[in-house]
Protein backbone atom coordinates (compact mmCIF):
# COMPACT_ATOMS: atom_id res chain seq x y z
CA MET A 1 1.29 -13.60 5.67
CA SER A 2 4.77 -14.55 4.45
CA TYR A 3 7.91 -12.53 4.26
CA SER A 4 7.61 -12.85 0.43
CA GLU A 5 4.19 -11.74 0.44
CA LEU A 6 5.36 -8.54 2.66
CA LEU A 7 7.61 -7.61 0.57
CA PRO A 8 6.78 -3.84 -0.73
CA ALA A 9 8.71 -4.99 -4.26
CA ASN A 10 6.18 -8.33 -4.38
CA ARG A 11 3.26 -6.79 -3.49
CA ALA A 12 4.07 -3.90 -6.44
CA VAL A 13 4.44 -6.01 -8.56
CA LEU A 14 1.20 -7.34 -7.28
CA PHE A 15 -0.77 -3.94 -7.93
CA ALA A 16 0.70 -3.51 -11.35
CA ASN A 17 -0.71 -7.06 -12.87
CA LEU A 18 -4.32 -6.26 -11.09
CA GLY A 19 -4.71 -2.86 -13.09
CA GLN A 20 -2.93 -3.89 -15.96
CA ALA A 21 -4.72 -6.55 -15.89
CA PHE A 22 -8.66 -3.88 -15.90
CA LEU A 23 -6.72 -1.42 -18.44
CA ASN A 24 -6.51 -5.05 -21.05
CA GLY A 25 -10.51 -5.41 -20.42
CA GLU A 26 -10.67 -8.23 -17.71
CA LYS A 27 -13.48 -8.03 -15.49
CA PHE A 28 -13.98 -9.73 -11.78
CA PRO A 29 -13.03 -12.98 -11.40
CA GLY A 30 -11.26 -12.76 -14.30
CA VAL A 31 -8.48 -10.31 -12.81
CA PHE A 32 -7.12 -12.53 -10.75
CA ASP A 33 -6.65 -15.17 -12.91
CA SER A 34 -4.66 -12.88 -14.71
CA ALA A 35 -3.05 -11.60 -11.91
CA ALA A 36 -1.79 -15.16 -10.48
CA ASP A 37 -0.23 -16.53 -14.05
CA ILE A 38 2.07 -13.18 -13.79
CA SER A 39 2.27 -12.23 -10.15
CA PRO A 40 5.27 -13.50 -7.90
CA ARG A 41 4.47 -17.70 -7.12
CA CYS A 42 3.84 -16.34 -3.20
CA TYR A 43 0.67 -15.10 -4.51
CA MET A 44 -0.49 -17.37 -6.90
CA ALA A 45 -3.01 -20.11 -4.68
CA LYS A 46 -4.60 -17.46 -2.75
CA LEU A 47 -5.60 -15.03 -6.18
CA ASN A 48 -6.77 -18.39 -7.89
CA GLN A 49 -9.04 -19.43 -5.12
CA LEU A 50 -10.32 -16.15 -4.52
CA ALA A 51 -11.40 -16.05 -8.44
CA GLU A 52 -13.24 -19.55 -7.88
CA SER A 53 -14.83 -18.27 -4.52
CA VAL A 54 -16.05 -15.15 -6.36
CA ARG A 55 -17.23 -17.65 -9.25
CA GLN A 56 -19.36 -19.90 -6.66
CA GLU A 57 -20.37 -17.74 -4.41
CA ALA A 58 -21.71 -14.72 -6.53
CA ASP A 59 -23.93 -13.81 -4.09
CA LYS A 60 -21.76 -12.68 -1.84
CA PRO A 61 -20.77 -9.34 -2.31
CA LEU A 62 -16.64 -9.13 -3.88
CA LEU A 63 -15.40 -6.53 -0.97
CA GLU A 64 -16.23 -9.54 1.45
CA LEU A 65 -14.60 -11.94 -0.66
CA ILE A 66 -11.91 -10.04 -0.95
CA ARG A 67 -11.39 -9.13 2.36
CA GLU A 68 -11.39 -13.28 3.32
CA SER A 69 -9.18 -13.86 0.66
CA GLY A 70 -5.88 -13.07 2.55
CA VAL A 71 -4.20 -11.53 -0.46
CA PHE A 72 -4.70 -7.85 0.82
CA LEU A 73 -4.02 -6.15 4.17
CA PRO A 74 -6.52 -4.27 5.72
CA TRP A 75 -5.93 -0.40 4.97
CA GLU A 76 -6.03 -2.08 0.92
CA VAL A 77 -8.96 -3.41 1.30
CA ARG A 78 -10.65 -0.08 2.43
CA PHE A 79 -9.16 1.60 -1.05
CA ILE A 80 -9.93 -1.13 -3.17
CA GLN A 81 -13.25 -0.19 -1.71
CA PHE A 82 -13.03 3.15 -2.37
CA GLY A 83 -12.03 2.12 -6.15
CA LEU A 84 -15.25 0.32 -6.38
CA ALA A 85 -17.60 2.84 -4.85
CA THR A 86 -16.10 5.73 -7.85
CA LEU A 87 -15.52 2.79 -10.47
CA ARG A 88 -12.00 3.80 -10.55
CA ILE A 89 -10.08 0.31 -9.31
CA ALA A 90 -7.12 0.02 -11.92
CA GLU A 91 -6.24 3.90 -10.82
CA VAL A 92 -6.29 2.81 -6.80
CA PHE A 93 -4.28 -0.12 -8.14
CA ALA A 94 -2.13 1.91 -9.74
CA ARG A 95 -1.89 4.12 -6.08
CA LEU A 96 -1.06 1.35 -3.80
CA CYS A 97 1.40 0.13 -6.67
CA ASP A 98 2.97 3.24 -6.33
CA TYR A 99 3.18 3.34 -2.50
CA TYR A 100 5.01 0.39 -2.48
CA VAL A 101 6.93 1.27 -4.94
CA LEU A 102 8.03 4.51 -2.45
CA ILE A 103 7.95 2.28 0.54
CA GLY A 104 10.05 -0.06 -0.90
CA ARG A 105 13.05 1.96 -1.46
CA SER A 106 13.79 2.80 2.22
CA SER A 107 13.25 -0.82 2.80
CA ARG A 108 16.25 -1.99 1.56
CA GLN A 109 18.23 0.35 3.12
CA LEU A 110 16.41 -1.10 6.78
CA SER A 111 16.33 -4.72 6.19
CA ALA A 112 20.27 -4.26 5.72
CA TRP A 113 20.28 -2.11 8.87
CA LEU A 114 17.85 -4.13 11.02
CA ALA A 115 19.87 -7.59 10.09
CA GLY A 116 22.97 -5.63 10.74
CA SER A 117 21.16 -4.42 14.31
CA TRP A 118 19.97 -8.31 15.10
CA LEU A 119 23.04 -10.13 14.39
CA LEU A 120 24.26 -7.37 17.16
CA CYS A 121 21.99 -8.03 19.48
CA CYS A 122 22.48 -11.91 19.56
CA PHE A 123 26.09 -11.57 19.39
CA THR A 124 25.60 -9.40 22.28
CA LEU A 125 23.23 -12.36 24.07
CA ALA A 126 25.97 -15.21 23.67
CA TYR A 127 28.64 -12.56 24.97
CA LEU A 128 26.42 -11.62 28.48
CA LEU A 129 25.77 -14.87 28.86
CA TYR A 130 29.58 -15.91 28.48
CA PHE A 131 30.53 -13.16 30.51
CA PHE A 132 27.89 -13.51 33.65
CA ALA A 133 26.89 -17.21 33.39
CA PHE A 134 30.16 -18.64 32.87
CA GLY A 135 32.77 -16.35 34.62
CA ALA A 136 34.35 -15.62 31.56
CA GLN A 137 35.46 -19.22 31.58
CA THR A 138 36.23 -21.03 27.70
CA THR A 139 35.34 -24.86 28.26
CA LEU A 140 33.23 -26.97 25.91
CA THR A 141 29.45 -26.15 27.74
CA SER A 142 29.91 -22.59 28.03
CA MET A 143 31.16 -22.38 24.40
CA SER A 144 27.97 -24.70 22.96
CA VAL A 145 25.42 -22.25 25.77
CA CYS A 146 26.26 -19.18 24.03
CA ALA A 147 26.67 -20.79 20.40
CA SER A 148 22.86 -22.13 20.95
CA ALA A 149 21.68 -18.58 22.34
CA ALA A 150 23.15 -16.91 19.51
CA VAL A 151 21.49 -19.33 17.20
CA ALA A 152 18.14 -19.29 18.95
CA GLY A 153 18.37 -15.15 18.61
CA LEU A 154 18.89 -15.83 15.43
CA VAL A 155 15.83 -18.22 14.90
CA VAL A 156 13.70 -15.58 16.63
CA GLY A 157 14.69 -13.25 14.06
CA VAL A 158 13.83 -14.96 11.30
CA ARG A 159 10.37 -16.03 12.91
CA LEU A 160 9.98 -12.07 13.18
CA ALA A 161 10.79 -10.80 10.37
CA PRO A 162 7.32 -10.83 8.90
CA VAL A 163 6.02 -9.29 11.91
CA PHE A 164 9.00 -6.50 11.91
CA LEU A 165 7.81 -5.64 8.03
CA ARG A 166 4.20 -5.83 8.18
CA ASN A 167 4.78 -2.99 10.37
CA TRP A 168 6.36 -1.31 8.50
CA VAL A 169 4.43 -1.17 5.05
CA GLU A 170 1.04 -0.50 6.98
CA PRO A 171 -0.14 2.88 7.17
CA ASP A 172 -2.27 2.26 10.61
CA SER A 173 0.31 -0.62 12.09
CA ARG A 174 1.19 -0.24 15.71
CA PHE A 175 4.29 1.07 14.96
CA TRP A 176 3.40 3.96 12.99
CA ASN A 177 0.90 4.98 15.66
CA ALA A 178 3.36 4.63 18.49
CA ALA A 179 6.02 6.07 16.62
CA SER A 180 3.88 8.69 15.30
CA ARG A 181 3.98 10.25 19.14
CA PHE A 182 7.02 11.80 18.20
CA PRO A 183 6.39 14.88 15.38
CA GLN A 184 8.86 14.11 12.69
CA ILE A 185 7.74 10.49 12.59
CA ARG A 186 3.96 12.42 12.83
CA SER A 187 4.60 14.47 10.02
CA LEU A 188 5.65 11.33 8.16
CA VAL A 189 1.97 9.89 8.75
CA VAL A 190 0.61 12.91 7.31
CA ALA A 191 2.05 13.42 4.57
CA ARG A 192 1.51 9.73 3.27
CA SER A 193 -1.66 10.84 4.52
CA VAL A 194 -2.28 13.94 2.16
CA TYR A 195 -0.65 12.38 -0.54
CA GLN A 196 -3.44 9.67 -0.78
CA TYR A 197 -6.35 11.83 0.15
CA LEU A 198 -5.14 14.96 -2.59
CA LEU A 199 -5.26 11.71 -5.24
CA ASN A 200 -8.41 10.32 -4.03
CA LEU A 201 -10.07 13.66 -4.51
CA GLY A 202 -8.94 13.46 -7.81
CA LEU A 203 -10.14 10.44 -9.04
CA CYS A 204 -13.58 11.74 -7.32
CA VAL A 205 -14.07 14.69 -9.43
CA GLN A 206 -13.01 12.46 -12.19
CA ALA A 207 -15.73 10.02 -11.38
CA GLY A 208 -18.14 12.86 -11.63
CA MET A 209 -19.24 12.61 -7.79
CA ASP A 210 -20.21 16.08 -6.12
CA LEU A 211 -18.19 17.56 -3.40
CA PRO A 212 -19.54 16.22 -0.31
CA ARG A 213 -19.78 12.91 -1.57
CA THR A 214 -16.65 12.67 -2.39
CA LEU A 215 -15.17 14.80 0.81
CA GLY A 216 -17.66 11.78 2.58
CA VAL A 217 -16.04 8.58 0.46
CA CYS A 218 -12.29 9.86 0.43
CA ALA A 219 -12.49 10.22 4.70
CA LYS A 220 -14.22 6.83 4.94
CA SER A 221 -10.80 5.63 2.53
CA GLU A 222 -8.37 6.24 5.58
CA PRO A 223 -6.65 3.86 7.19
CA VAL A 224 -5.61 5.51 10.08
CA ASP A 225 -8.18 6.14 13.05
CA TRP A 226 -7.23 10.05 14.13
CA LEU A 227 -6.45 11.05 10.23
CA ARG A 228 -10.03 9.44 9.18
CA GLN A 229 -11.29 11.61 11.63
CA ARG A 230 -10.08 14.73 10.61
CA TYR A 231 -11.34 14.35 7.13
CA HIS A 232 -15.03 13.72 8.31
CA ILE A 233 -14.52 16.94 9.91
CA VAL A 234 -13.75 18.72 6.74
CA ALA A 235 -16.61 16.69 5.24
CA ALA A 236 -18.88 17.81 7.60
CA SER A 237 -17.10 21.58 7.77
CA VAL A 238 -18.03 21.74 3.51
CA GLY A 239 -21.36 19.92 3.86
CA LYS A 240 -22.12 22.83 6.71
CA GLY A 241 -21.24 25.79 3.70
CA LYS A 242 -17.76 26.51 4.96
CA ASN A 243 -15.27 26.68 1.55
CA LEU A 244 -12.82 23.64 1.42
CA SER A 245 -9.54 25.12 1.75
CA ARG A 246 -10.86 26.93 5.11
CA ALA A 247 -11.99 23.93 5.49
CA PHE A 248 -9.39 21.51 5.66
CA LEU A 249 -6.89 23.86 7.14
CA GLU A 250 -9.01 24.42 10.14
CA SER A 251 -8.18 20.86 10.85
CA GLY A 252 -4.88 21.16 11.59
CA VAL A 253 -4.06 17.93 9.34
CA LEU A 254 -0.66 20.35 7.31
CA SER A 255 -0.13 21.53 11.19
CA GLU A 256 1.17 18.39 12.09
CA THR A 257 3.36 17.68 9.00
CA ARG A 258 6.42 19.51 7.33
CA ILE A 259 5.20 20.13 3.24
CA THR A 260 7.89 21.97 1.40
CA ALA A 261 6.47 23.19 -1.82
CA HIS A 262 8.49 25.18 -4.61
CA PRO A 263 8.04 28.84 -4.41
CA ASP A 264 5.46 30.51 -7.30
CA GLU A 265 8.30 32.21 -8.77
CA SER A 266 5.75 34.71 -10.38
CA LYS A 267 4.34 36.40 -7.53
CA GLY A 268 7.10 34.63 -4.68
CA LYS A 269 4.91 33.24 -2.52
CA PRO A 270 5.17 29.59 -1.03
CA ALA A 271 2.82 27.42 -3.16
CA ARG A 272 -0.07 26.91 -1.51
CA LEU A 273 -2.15 22.69 -1.22
CA TRP A 274 -4.65 23.76 -4.38
CA ASP A 275 -1.82 24.60 -6.78
CA PRO A 276 -1.45 22.37 -9.76
CA GLY A 277 1.75 19.95 -9.07
CA ILE A 278 1.37 20.17 -5.70
CA ILE A 279 0.70 16.09 -4.89
CA GLU A 280 3.99 15.65 -6.37
CA VAL A 281 5.77 18.15 -3.82
CA VAL A 282 3.64 16.18 -0.69
CA ARG A 283 4.93 13.20 -2.68
CA GLN A 284 8.69 13.74 -3.13
CA SER A 285 8.53 15.08 0.89
CA PHE A 286 6.81 11.81 2.16
CA ASP A 287 9.37 10.17 0.33
CA GLU A 288 12.36 12.28 1.83
CA GLN A 289 10.64 11.79 5.25
CA LEU A 290 10.69 8.38 4.95
CA ARG A 291 13.96 7.15 3.84
CA TYR A 292 14.88 9.59 6.59
CA ALA A 293 12.85 7.00 9.55
CA SER A 294 14.42 3.96 7.10
CA LYS A 295 17.83 5.51 8.67
CA VAL A 296 16.38 6.38 12.03
CA ALA A 297 13.86 2.89 12.93
CA PRO A 298 17.78 0.76 13.70
CA LEU A 299 18.60 2.94 16.27
CA LEU A 300 15.72 1.83 18.26
CA LEU A 301 17.78 -0.99 18.89
CA LEU A 302 21.44 -0.11 18.09
CA ALA A 303 20.81 2.74 21.61
CA PRO A 304 19.80 0.25 24.02
CA LEU A 305 23.05 -2.28 22.71
CA THR A 306 25.34 0.51 22.95
CA VAL A 307 24.36 1.06 26.76
CA VAL A 308 24.64 -2.90 27.65
CA TRP A 309 28.16 -2.54 26.16
CA LEU A 310 28.85 0.43 27.67
CA VAL A 311 28.45 -1.34 30.70
CA MET A 312 29.93 -4.78 29.88
CA ALA A 313 33.13 -2.17 29.36
CA PHE A 314 32.84 -0.89 32.82
CA SER A 315 32.01 -3.69 34.59
CA VAL A 316 35.12 -5.37 32.39
CA GLY A 317 37.42 -2.12 33.49
């Protein structure tokens, strides 16, 4: 996917338009036609092609065509599959829109920090060449080579931008899987998961599903492998007769995250995961931790650069 296709703001608009098309009474494939007309132009061709594919290959499963279209990320397809199974596809599109609204707030700050950090990387590369390869001698050759190295670094940064962005917006990306080894990032990953899991539980209840099927469908919609396994354990425990809240607590999911609920003023006790309004508390917790992560992530580039500059300063001294 291109950088513009991965931008959270564009994806939020895409899913908002898809959901609105359903609310307006559109059906597949008309939903894709309607969204193509009013969504960002980067999606227009693929949405029109998807709509045409649905018409021409009516015998092919819709989910397979959606997966092959190139419009949706794999984790989004999981959610769409959930929406089709529960007949709540419009609500699922709204949930995806909400996710990108949340992650878009932090993405703007992160993009600015990463762009500045990458510029500093390019400048550092040029200076290293100037200092070590040319002995800090200012000649036409040295300046040309150093400038070319800096420009090459900028080009590489532009080419890598979609990769960085995709790793940031996908909950099951390599970046999040690796970063979740750190407790604070793991807490963020789990907060996002619990928030969407509780929303999906609500949609299943609205659809009239029984509890065992609800838990199984919700578990399957989780994009992160190890969390999906935890939710399947919850479903299996409830299927054997265990209380839902106890099964959820024993799964260990809540122990992985910091979810600060507002106190129950009438009883003086902390709010529980199943209390009314707790979903909004989890959402706020996810948003706060996401903003923190967007401030910390650029340090992964700045920390090595700081070491390099200190070594260079020591060498010059």
